[in-house]
Amino acid sequence: YKNFTKKGANVLVFNGDHDMAALYVGPLSWIPLLNVTIDNNWRAWLVNGQVAGFTEKYKKNNFHLTFATLKCQNMSSSNIFDINPSK
């Protein structure tokens, strides 16, 4: 994960909120180790007026990380994507 901070990447990390194999609190424990600051505080995100999960955004120089939960989803692990892979 620290390699992403050096690249100046835009990263999306997401977990299902009911995922017992990889709890969403896992990324919440290691994200602070990246020494990032909160850019947008924890909040609900909506689809068609319904809460679809929660999100918080972080930044450090040119590095941006969005963490999101997906309501009622069961996934096998955290999912990490560089949302701007051309950099």
PDB file of N, CA and C in Angstrom:
ATOM      1  N   TYR A   1       0.816  -1.195   0.000  1.00  0.00           N
ATOM      2  CA  TYR A   1       0.000   0.000   0.000  1.00  0.00           C
ATOM      3  C   TYR A   1       0.860   1.259   0.000  1.00  0.00           C
ATOM      4  N   LYS A   2       1.989   1.207   0.663  1.00  0.00           N
ATOM      5  CA  LYS A   2       2.843   2.387   0.705  1.00  0.00           C
ATOM      6  C   LYS A   2       3.396   2.732  -0.674  1.00  0.00           C
ATOM      7  N   ASN A   3       3.528   1.735  -1.574  1.00  0.00           N
ATOM      8  CA  ASN A   3       3.966   2.023  -2.936  1.00  0.00           C
ATOM      9  C   ASN A   3       2.985   2.931  -3.655  1.00  0.00           C
ATOM     10  N   PHE A   4       1.684   2.768  -3.385  1.00  0.00           N
ATOM     11  CA  PHE A   4       0.684   3.643  -3.990  1.00  0.00           C
ATOM     12  C   PHE A   4       0.879   5.085  -3.565  1.00  0.00           C
ATOM     13  N   THR A   5       1.267   5.307  -2.295  1.00  0.00           N
ATOM     14  CA  THR A   5       1.436   6.682  -1.820  1.00  0.00           C
ATOM     15  C   THR A   5       2.586   7.365  -2.538  1.00  0.00           C
ATOM     16  N   LYS A   6       3.596   6.609  -2.909  1.00  0.00           N
ATOM     17  CA  LYS A   6       4.746   7.182  -3.614  1.00  0.00           C
ATOM     18  C   LYS A   6       4.427   7.484  -5.069  1.00  0.00           C
ATOM     19  N   LYS A   7       3.497   6.737  -5.673  1.00  0.00           N
ATOM     20  CA  LYS A   7       3.131   6.918  -7.069  1.00  0.00           C
ATOM     21  C   LYS A   7       2.193   8.103  -7.295  1.00  0.00           C
ATOM     22  N   GLY A   8       1.543   8.579  -6.254  1.00  0.00           N
ATOM     23  CA  GLY A   8       0.536   9.606  -6.449  1.00  0.00           C
ATOM     24  C   GLY A   8      -0.721   9.038  -7.078  1.00  0.00           C
ATOM     25  N   ALA A   9      -1.075   7.823  -6.724  1.00  0.00           N
ATOM     26  CA  ALA A   9      -2.214   7.122  -7.316  1.00  0.00           C
ATOM     27  C   ALA A   9      -3.533   7.570  -6.684  1.00  0.00           C
ATOM     28  N   ASN A  10      -4.620   7.293  -7.401  1.00  0.00           N
ATOM     29  CA  ASN A  10      -5.978   7.431  -6.872  1.00  0.00           C
ATOM     30  C   ASN A  10      -6.474   6.014  -6.623  1.00  0.00           C
ATOM     31  N   VAL A  11      -6.692   5.649  -5.362  1.00  0.00           N
ATOM     32  CA  VAL A  11      -6.973   4.265  -4.992  1.00  0.00           C
ATOM     33  C   VAL A  11      -8.350   4.155  -4.345  1.00  0.00           C
ATOM     34  N   LEU A  12      -9.063   3.093  -4.715  1.00  0.00           N
ATOM     35  CA  LEU A  12     -10.340   2.765  -4.098  1.00  0.00           C
ATOM     36  C   LEU A  12     -10.183   1.440  -3.365  1.00  0.00           C
ATOM     37  N   VAL A  13     -10.503   1.424  -2.068  1.00  0.00           N
ATOM     38  CA  VAL A  13     -10.501   0.207  -1.254  1.00  0.00           C
ATOM     39  C   VAL A  13     -11.930   0.027  -0.763  1.00  0.00           C
ATOM     40  N   PHE A  14     -12.506  -1.174  -0.988  1.00  0.00           N
ATOM     41  CA  PHE A  14     -13.877  -1.365  -0.513  1.00  0.00           C
ATOM     42  C   PHE A  14     -14.066  -2.752   0.064  1.00  0.00           C
ATOM     43  N   ASN A  15     -15.000  -2.839   0.988  1.00  0.00           N
ATOM     44  CA  ASN A  15     -15.376  -4.091   1.653  1.00  0.00           C
ATOM     45  C   ASN A  15     -16.881  -4.133   1.793  1.00  0.00           C
ATOM     46  N   GLY A  16     -17.416  -5.340   1.842  1.00  0.00           N
ATOM     47  CA  GLY A  16     -18.816  -5.502   2.204  1.00  0.00           C
ATOM     48  C   GLY A  16     -18.971  -5.309   3.705  1.00  0.00           C
ATOM     49  N   ASP A  17     -20.067  -4.699   4.117  1.00  0.00           N
ATOM     50  CA  ASP A  17     -20.243  -4.438   5.554  1.00  0.00           C
ATOM     51  C   ASP A  17     -20.623  -5.684   6.344  1.00  0.00           C
ATOM     52  N   HIS A  18     -20.988  -6.778   5.672  1.00  0.00           N
ATOM     53  CA  HIS A  18     -21.309  -8.041   6.349  1.00  0.00           C
ATOM     54  C   HIS A  18     -20.303  -9.134   6.015  1.00  0.00           C
ATOM     55  N   ASP A  19     -19.149  -8.751   5.571  1.00  0.00           N
ATOM     56  CA  ASP A  19     -18.128  -9.703   5.148  1.00  0.00           C
ATOM     57  C   ASP A  19     -17.394 -10.250   6.370  1.00  0.00           C
ATOM     58  N   MET A  20     -17.641 -11.498   6.723  1.00  0.00           N
ATOM     59  CA  MET A  20     -17.020 -12.077   7.910  1.00  0.00           C
ATOM     60  C   MET A  20     -15.604 -12.573   7.627  1.00  0.00           C
ATOM     61  N   ALA A  21     -15.242 -12.753   6.360  1.00  0.00           N
ATOM     62  CA  ALA A  21     -13.894 -13.209   6.025  1.00  0.00           C
ATOM     63  C   ALA A  21     -12.886 -12.069   6.107  1.00  0.00           C
ATOM     64  N   ALA A  22     -13.312 -10.877   5.747  1.00  0.00           N
ATOM     65  CA  ALA A  22     -12.418  -9.705   5.764  1.00  0.00           C
ATOM     66  C   ALA A  22     -13.245  -8.499   6.221  1.00  0.00           C
ATOM     67  N   LEU A  23     -13.289  -8.307   7.512  1.00  0.00           N
ATOM     68  CA  LEU A  23     -14.105  -7.232   8.077  1.00  0.00           C
ATOM     69  C   LEU A  23     -13.655  -5.861   7.584  1.00  0.00           C
ATOM     70  N   TYR A  24     -14.599  -4.963   7.387  1.00  0.00           N
ATOM     71  CA  TYR A  24     -14.284  -3.619   6.910  1.00  0.00           C
ATOM     72  C   TYR A  24     -13.413  -2.847   7.888  1.00  0.00           C
ATOM     73  N   VAL A  25     -13.367  -3.259   9.137  1.00  0.00           N
ATOM     74  CA  VAL A  25     -12.529  -2.552  10.111  1.00  0.00           C
ATOM     75  C   VAL A  25     -11.046  -2.813   9.877  1.00  0.00           C
ATOM     76  N   GLY A  26     -10.720  -3.862   9.101  1.00  0.00           N
ATOM     77  CA  GLY A  26      -9.315  -4.143   8.778  1.00  0.00           C
ATOM     78  C   GLY A  26      -8.638  -2.975   8.091  1.00  0.00           C
ATOM     79  N   PRO A  27      -9.174  -2.515   6.946  1.00  0.00           N
ATOM     80  CA  PRO A  27      -8.567  -1.351   6.299  1.00  0.00           C
ATOM     81  C   PRO A  27      -8.571  -0.105   7.187  1.00  0.00           C
ATOM     82  N   LEU A  28      -9.595   0.030   8.024  1.00  0.00           N
ATOM     83  CA  LEU A  28      -9.622   1.193   8.922  1.00  0.00           C
ATOM     84  C   LEU A  28      -8.468   1.157   9.915  1.00  0.00           C
ATOM     85  N   SER A  29      -7.903  -0.031  10.156  1.00  0.00           N
ATOM     86  CA  SER A  29      -6.770  -0.125  11.078  1.00  0.00           C
ATOM     87  C   SER A  29      -5.439   0.162  10.384  1.00  0.00           C
ATOM     88  N   TRP A  30      -5.306  -0.173   9.080  1.00  0.00           N
ATOM     89  CA  TRP A  30      -4.018   0.067   8.415  1.00  0.00           C
ATOM     90  C   TRP A  30      -3.960   1.368   7.635  1.00  0.00           C
ATOM     91  N   ILE A  31      -5.097   1.955   7.288  1.00  0.00           N
ATOM     92  CA  ILE A  31      -5.064   3.226   6.546  1.00  0.00           C
ATOM     93  C   ILE A  31      -4.296   4.306   7.315  1.00  0.00           C
ATOM     94  N   PRO A  32      -4.482   4.466   8.627  1.00  0.00           N
ATOM     95  CA  PRO A  32      -3.704   5.485   9.345  1.00  0.00           C
ATOM     96  C   PRO A  32      -2.189   5.264   9.288  1.00  0.00           C
ATOM     97  N   LEU A  33      -1.753   4.023   9.073  1.00  0.00           N
ATOM     98  CA  LEU A  33      -0.319   3.733   8.980  1.00  0.00           C
ATOM     99  C   LEU A  33       0.310   4.358   7.728  1.00  0.00           C
ATOM    100  N   LEU A  34      -0.518   4.779   6.774  1.00  0.00           N
ATOM    101  CA  LEU A  34      -0.037   5.437   5.564  1.00  0.00           C
ATOM    102  C   LEU A  34       0.256   6.923   5.792  1.00  0.00           C
ATOM    103  N   ASN A  35      -0.039   7.396   7.001  1.00  0.00           N
ATOM    104  CA  ASN A  35       0.166   8.815   7.344  1.00  0.00           C
ATOM    105  C   ASN A  35      -0.588   9.748   6.407  1.00  0.00           C
ATOM    106  N   VAL A  36      -1.827   9.390   6.099  1.00  0.00           N
ATOM    107  CA  VAL A  36      -2.690  10.214   5.266  1.00  0.00           C
ATOM    108  C   VAL A  36      -3.583  11.066   6.160  1.00  0.00           C
ATOM    109  N   THR A  37      -4.114  12.133   5.599  1.00  0.00           N
ATOM    110  CA  THR A  37      -5.067  12.966   6.333  1.00  0.00           C
ATOM    111  C   THR A  37      -6.453  12.748   5.746  1.00  0.00           C
ATOM    112  N   ILE A  38      -7.464  12.955   6.567  1.00  0.00           N
ATOM    113  CA  ILE A  38      -8.844  12.802   6.110  1.00  0.00           C
ATOM    114  C   ILE A  38      -9.189  13.998   5.224  1.00  0.00           C
ATOM    115  N   ASP A  39      -9.648  13.698   4.015  1.00  0.00           N
ATOM    116  CA  ASP A  39     -10.054  14.723   3.056  1.00  0.00           C
ATOM    117  C   ASP A  39     -11.561  14.953   3.126  1.00  0.00           C
ATOM    118  N   ASN A  40     -12.336  13.877   3.254  1.00  0.00           N
ATOM    119  CA  ASN A  40     -13.793  13.935   3.452  1.00  0.00           C
ATOM    120  C   ASN A  40     -14.149  12.952   4.551  1.00  0.00           C
ATOM    121  N   ASN A  41     -14.828  13.429   5.586  1.00  0.00           N
ATOM    122  CA  ASN A  41     -15.167  12.598   6.736  1.00  0.00           C
ATOM    123  C   ASN A  41     -16.124  11.466   6.389  1.00  0.00           C
ATOM    124  N   TRP A  42     -16.134  10.467   7.267  1.00  0.00           N
ATOM    125  CA  TRP A  42     -17.001   9.292   7.163  1.00  0.00           C
ATOM    126  C   TRP A  42     -18.434   9.750   6.948  1.00  0.00           C
ATOM    127  N   ARG A  43     -19.075   9.208   5.919  1.00  0.00           N
ATOM    128  CA  ARG A  43     -20.451   9.581   5.606  1.00  0.00           C
ATOM    129  C   ARG A  43     -21.116   8.459   4.825  1.00  0.00           C
ATOM    130  N   ALA A  44     -22.437   8.494   4.803  1.00  0.00           N
ATOM    131  CA  ALA A  44     -23.189   7.539   3.995  1.00  0.00           C
ATOM    132  C   ALA A  44     -23.108   7.953   2.526  1.00  0.00           C
ATOM    133  N   TRP A  45     -23.139   6.964   1.631  1.00  0.00           N
ATOM    134  CA  TRP A  45     -23.303   7.271   0.209  1.00  0.00           C
ATOM    135  C   TRP A  45     -24.580   6.581  -0.244  1.00  0.00           C
ATOM    136  N   LEU A  46     -25.270   7.227  -1.170  1.00  0.00           N
ATOM    137  CA  LEU A  46     -26.625   6.823  -1.527  1.00  0.00           C
ATOM    138  C   LEU A  46     -26.737   6.370  -2.974  1.00  0.00           C
ATOM    139  N   VAL A  47     -27.665   5.449  -3.202  1.00  0.00           N
ATOM    140  CA  VAL A  47     -28.091   5.060  -4.544  1.00  0.00           C
ATOM    141  C   VAL A  47     -29.610   5.108  -4.535  1.00  0.00           C
ATOM    142  N   ASN A  48     -30.189   5.905  -5.426  1.00  0.00           N
ATOM    143  CA  ASN A  48     -31.647   6.084  -5.493  1.00  0.00           C
ATOM    144  C   ASN A  48     -32.244   6.448  -4.137  1.00  0.00           C
ATOM    145  N   GLY A  49     -31.541   7.294  -3.399  1.00  0.00           N
ATOM    146  CA  GLY A  49     -32.031   7.774  -2.114  1.00  0.00           C
ATOM    147  C   GLY A  49     -31.870   6.808  -0.959  1.00  0.00           C
ATOM    148  N   GLN A  50     -31.301   5.635  -1.196  1.00  0.00           N
ATOM    149  CA  GLN A  50     -31.102   4.635  -0.155  1.00  0.00           C
ATOM    150  C   GLN A  50     -29.623   4.554   0.206  1.00  0.00           C
ATOM    151  N   VAL A  51     -29.344   4.334   1.495  1.00  0.00           N
ATOM    152  CA  VAL A  51     -27.949   4.173   1.925  1.00  0.00           C
ATOM    153  C   VAL A  51     -27.389   2.898   1.305  1.00  0.00           C
ATOM    154  N   ALA A  52     -26.299   3.051   0.544  1.00  0.00           N
ATOM    155  CA  ALA A  52     -25.665   1.912  -0.117  1.00  0.00           C
ATOM    156  C   ALA A  52     -24.386   1.489   0.595  1.00  0.00           C
ATOM    157  N   GLY A  53     -23.951   2.293   1.548  1.00  0.00           N
ATOM    158  CA  GLY A  53     -22.730   2.015   2.295  1.00  0.00           C
ATOM    159  C   GLY A  53     -22.197   3.304   2.894  1.00  0.00           C
ATOM    160  N   PHE A  54     -20.944   3.257   3.307  1.00  0.00           N
ATOM    161  CA  PHE A  54     -20.302   4.422   3.915  1.00  0.00           C
ATOM    162  C   PHE A  54     -18.941   4.626   3.273  1.00  0.00           C
ATOM    163  N   THR A  55     -18.456   5.859   3.316  1.00  0.00           N
ATOM    164  CA  THR A  55     -17.188   6.165   2.673  1.00  0.00           C
ATOM    165  C   THR A  55     -16.427   7.225   3.463  1.00  0.00           C
ATOM    166  N   GLU A  56     -15.123   7.199   3.298  1.00  0.00           N
ATOM    167  CA  GLU A  56     -14.250   8.242   3.838  1.00  0.00           C
ATOM    168  C   GLU A  56     -13.099   8.392   2.853  1.00  0.00           C
ATOM    169  N   LYS A  57     -12.672   9.637   2.632  1.00  0.00           N
ATOM    170  CA  LYS A  57     -11.594   9.896   1.677  1.00  0.00           C
ATOM    171  C   LYS A  57     -10.386  10.459   2.408  1.00  0.00           C
ATOM    172  N   TYR A  58      -9.206  10.058   1.910  1.00  0.00           N
ATOM    173  CA  TYR A  58      -7.933  10.447   2.514  1.00  0.00           C
ATOM    174  C   TYR A  58      -7.012  10.992   1.428  1.00  0.00           C
ATOM    175  N   LYS A  59      -6.008  11.755   1.865  1.00  0.00           N
ATOM    176  CA  LYS A  59      -5.016  12.237   0.897  1.00  0.00           C
ATOM    177  C   LYS A  59      -3.667  12.431   1.569  1.00  0.00           C
ATOM    178  N   LYS A  60      -2.644  12.408   0.718  1.00  0.00           N
ATOM    179  CA  LYS A  60      -1.271  12.694   1.126  1.00  0.00           C
ATOM    180  C   LYS A  60      -0.542  13.125  -0.143  1.00  0.00           C
ATOM    181  N   ASN A  61      -0.238  14.405  -0.239  1.00  0.00           N
ATOM    182  CA  ASN A  61       0.371  14.969  -1.442  1.00  0.00           C
ATOM    183  C   ASN A  61      -0.502  14.642  -2.648  1.00  0.00           C
ATOM    184  N   ASN A  62       0.029  13.940  -3.660  1.00  0.00           N
ATOM    185  CA  ASN A  62      -0.744  13.588  -4.862  1.00  0.00           C
ATOM    186  C   ASN A  62      -1.437  12.243  -4.755  1.00  0.00           C
ATOM    187  N   PHE A  63      -1.390  11.617  -3.589  1.00  0.00           N
ATOM    188  CA  PHE A  63      -2.028  10.320  -3.358  1.00  0.00           C
ATOM    189  C   PHE A  63      -3.420  10.542  -2.778  1.00  0.00           C
ATOM    190  N   HIS A  64      -4.416   9.873  -3.354  1.00  0.00           N
ATOM    191  CA  HIS A  64      -5.797   9.948  -2.863  1.00  0.00           C
ATOM    192  C   HIS A  64      -6.332   8.537  -2.667  1.00  0.00           C
ATOM    193  N   LEU A  65      -6.934   8.301  -1.514  1.00  0.00           N
ATOM    194  CA  LEU A  65      -7.492   6.988  -1.198  1.00  0.00           C
ATOM    195  C   LEU A  65      -8.941   7.169  -0.778  1.00  0.00           C
ATOM    196  N   THR A  66      -9.816   6.410  -1.387  1.00  0.00           N
ATOM    197  CA  THR A  66     -11.225   6.373  -0.994  1.00  0.00           C
ATOM    198  C   THR A  66     -11.493   5.001  -0.406  1.00  0.00           C
ATOM    199  N   PHE A  67     -12.012   4.962   0.823  1.00  0.00           N
ATOM    200  CA  PHE A  67     -12.432   3.713   1.443  1.00  0.00           C
ATOM    201  C   PHE A  67     -13.948   3.710   1.463  1.00  0.00           C
ATOM    202  N   ALA A  68     -14.552   2.601   1.063  1.00  0.00           N
ATOM    203  CA  ALA A  68     -16.009   2.505   1.041  1.00  0.00           C
ATOM    204  C   ALA A  68     -16.459   1.140   1.539  1.00  0.00           C
ATOM    205  N   THR A  69     -17.604   1.141   2.195  1.00  0.00           N
ATOM    206  CA  THR A  69     -18.269  -0.111   2.524  1.00  0.00           C
ATOM    207  C   THR A  69     -19.468  -0.245   1.594  1.00  0.00           C
ATOM    208  N   LEU A  70     -19.812  -1.484   1.283  1.00  0.00           N
ATOM    209  CA  LEU A  70     -20.981  -1.787   0.468  1.00  0.00           C
ATOM    210  C   LEU A  70     -21.991  -2.482   1.356  1.00  0.00           C
ATOM    211  N   LYS A  71     -23.144  -1.908   1.491  1.00  0.00           N
ATOM    212  CA  LYS A  71     -24.157  -2.429   2.402  1.00  0.00           C
ATOM    213  C   LYS A  71     -24.584  -3.839   2.014  1.00  0.00           C
ATOM    214  N   CYS A  72     -24.628  -4.714   3.012  1.00  0.00           N
ATOM    215  CA  CYS A  72     -25.116  -6.090   2.869  1.00  0.00           C
ATOM    216  C   CYS A  72     -24.353  -6.892   1.838  1.00  0.00           C
ATOM    217  N   GLN A  73     -23.081  -6.650   1.676  1.00  0.00           N
ATOM    218  CA  GLN A  73     -22.284  -7.422   0.732  1.00  0.00           C
ATOM    219  C   GLN A  73     -21.358  -8.357   1.492  1.00  0.00           C
ATOM    220  N   ASN A  74     -21.166  -9.528   0.952  1.00  0.00           N
ATOM    221  CA  ASN A  74     -20.260 -10.515   1.526  1.00  0.00           C
ATOM    222  C   ASN A  74     -19.202 -10.815   0.470  1.00  0.00           C
ATOM    223  N   MET A  75     -17.991 -10.358   0.712  1.00  0.00           N
ATOM    224  CA  MET A  75     -16.895 -10.556  -0.235  1.00  0.00           C
ATOM    225  C   MET A  75     -15.820 -11.380   0.437  1.00  0.00           C
ATOM    226  N   SER A  76     -14.891 -11.889  -0.346  1.00  0.00           N
ATOM    227  CA  SER A  76     -13.872 -12.759   0.221  1.00  0.00           C
ATOM    228  C   SER A  76     -12.673 -12.003   0.768  1.00  0.00           C
ATOM    229  N   SER A  77     -12.479 -10.744   0.379  1.00  0.00           N
ATOM    230  CA  SER A  77     -11.340  -9.985   0.891  1.00  0.00           C
ATOM    231  C   SER A  77     -11.515  -8.516   0.549  1.00  0.00           C
ATOM    232  N   SER A  78     -10.615  -7.678   1.062  1.00  0.00           N
ATOM    233  CA  SER A  78     -10.614  -6.276   0.673  1.00  0.00           C
ATOM    234  C   SER A  78     -10.322  -6.191  -0.812  1.00  0.00           C
ATOM    235  N   ASN A  79     -10.883  -5.212  -1.431  1.00  0.00           N
ATOM    236  CA  ASN A  79     -10.687  -5.011  -2.852  1.00  0.00           C
ATOM    237  C   ASN A  79     -10.009  -3.673  -3.055  1.00  0.00           C
ATOM    238  N   ILE A  80      -8.915  -3.664  -3.798  1.00  0.00           N
ATOM    239  CA  ILE A  80      -8.107  -2.464  -3.964  1.00  0.00           C
ATOM    240  C   ILE A  80      -7.906  -2.224  -5.448  1.00  0.00           C
ATOM    241  N   PHE A  81      -8.207  -1.015  -5.875  1.00  0.00           N
ATOM    242  CA  PHE A  81      -8.047  -0.652  -7.276  1.00  0.00           C
ATOM    243  C   PHE A  81      -7.343   0.687  -7.378  1.00  0.00           C
ATOM    244  N   ASP A  82      -6.431   0.789  -8.329  1.00  0.00           N
ATOM    245  CA  ASP A  82      -5.856   2.072  -8.714  1.00  0.00           C
ATOM    246  C   ASP A  82      -6.821   2.635  -9.740  1.00  0.00           C
ATOM    247  N   ILE A  83      -7.569   3.694  -9.383  1.00  0.00           N
ATOM    248  CA  ILE A  83      -8.597   4.197 -10.278  1.00  0.00           C
ATOM    249  C   ILE A  83      -8.068   5.171 -11.312  1.00  0.00           C
ATOM    250  N   ASN A  84      -6.751   5.346 -11.338  1.00  0.00           N
ATOM    251  CA  ASN A  84      -6.120   6.155 -12.372  1.00  0.00           C
ATOM    252  C   ASN A  84      -4.825   5.451 -12.761  1.00  0.00           C
ATOM    253  N   PRO A  85      -4.908   4.271 -13.394  1.00  0.00           N
ATOM    254  CA  PRO A  85      -3.717   3.441 -13.616  1.00  0.00           C
ATOM    255  C   PRO A  85      -2.700   4.007 -14.602  1.00  0.00           C
ATOM    256  N   SER A  86      -3.026   5.070 -15.316  1.00  0.00           N
ATOM    257  CA  SER A  86      -2.092   5.594 -16.312  1.00  0.00           C
ATOM    258  C   SER A  86      -0.906   6.308 -15.688  1.00  0.00           C
ATOM    259  N   LYS A  87      -0.984   6.640 -14.394  1.00  0.00           N
ATOM    260  CA  LYS A  87       0.129   7.343 -13.729  1.00  0.00           C
ATOM    261  C   LYS A  87       1.191   6.374 -13.294  1.00  0.00           C
TER     262      LYS A  87
END
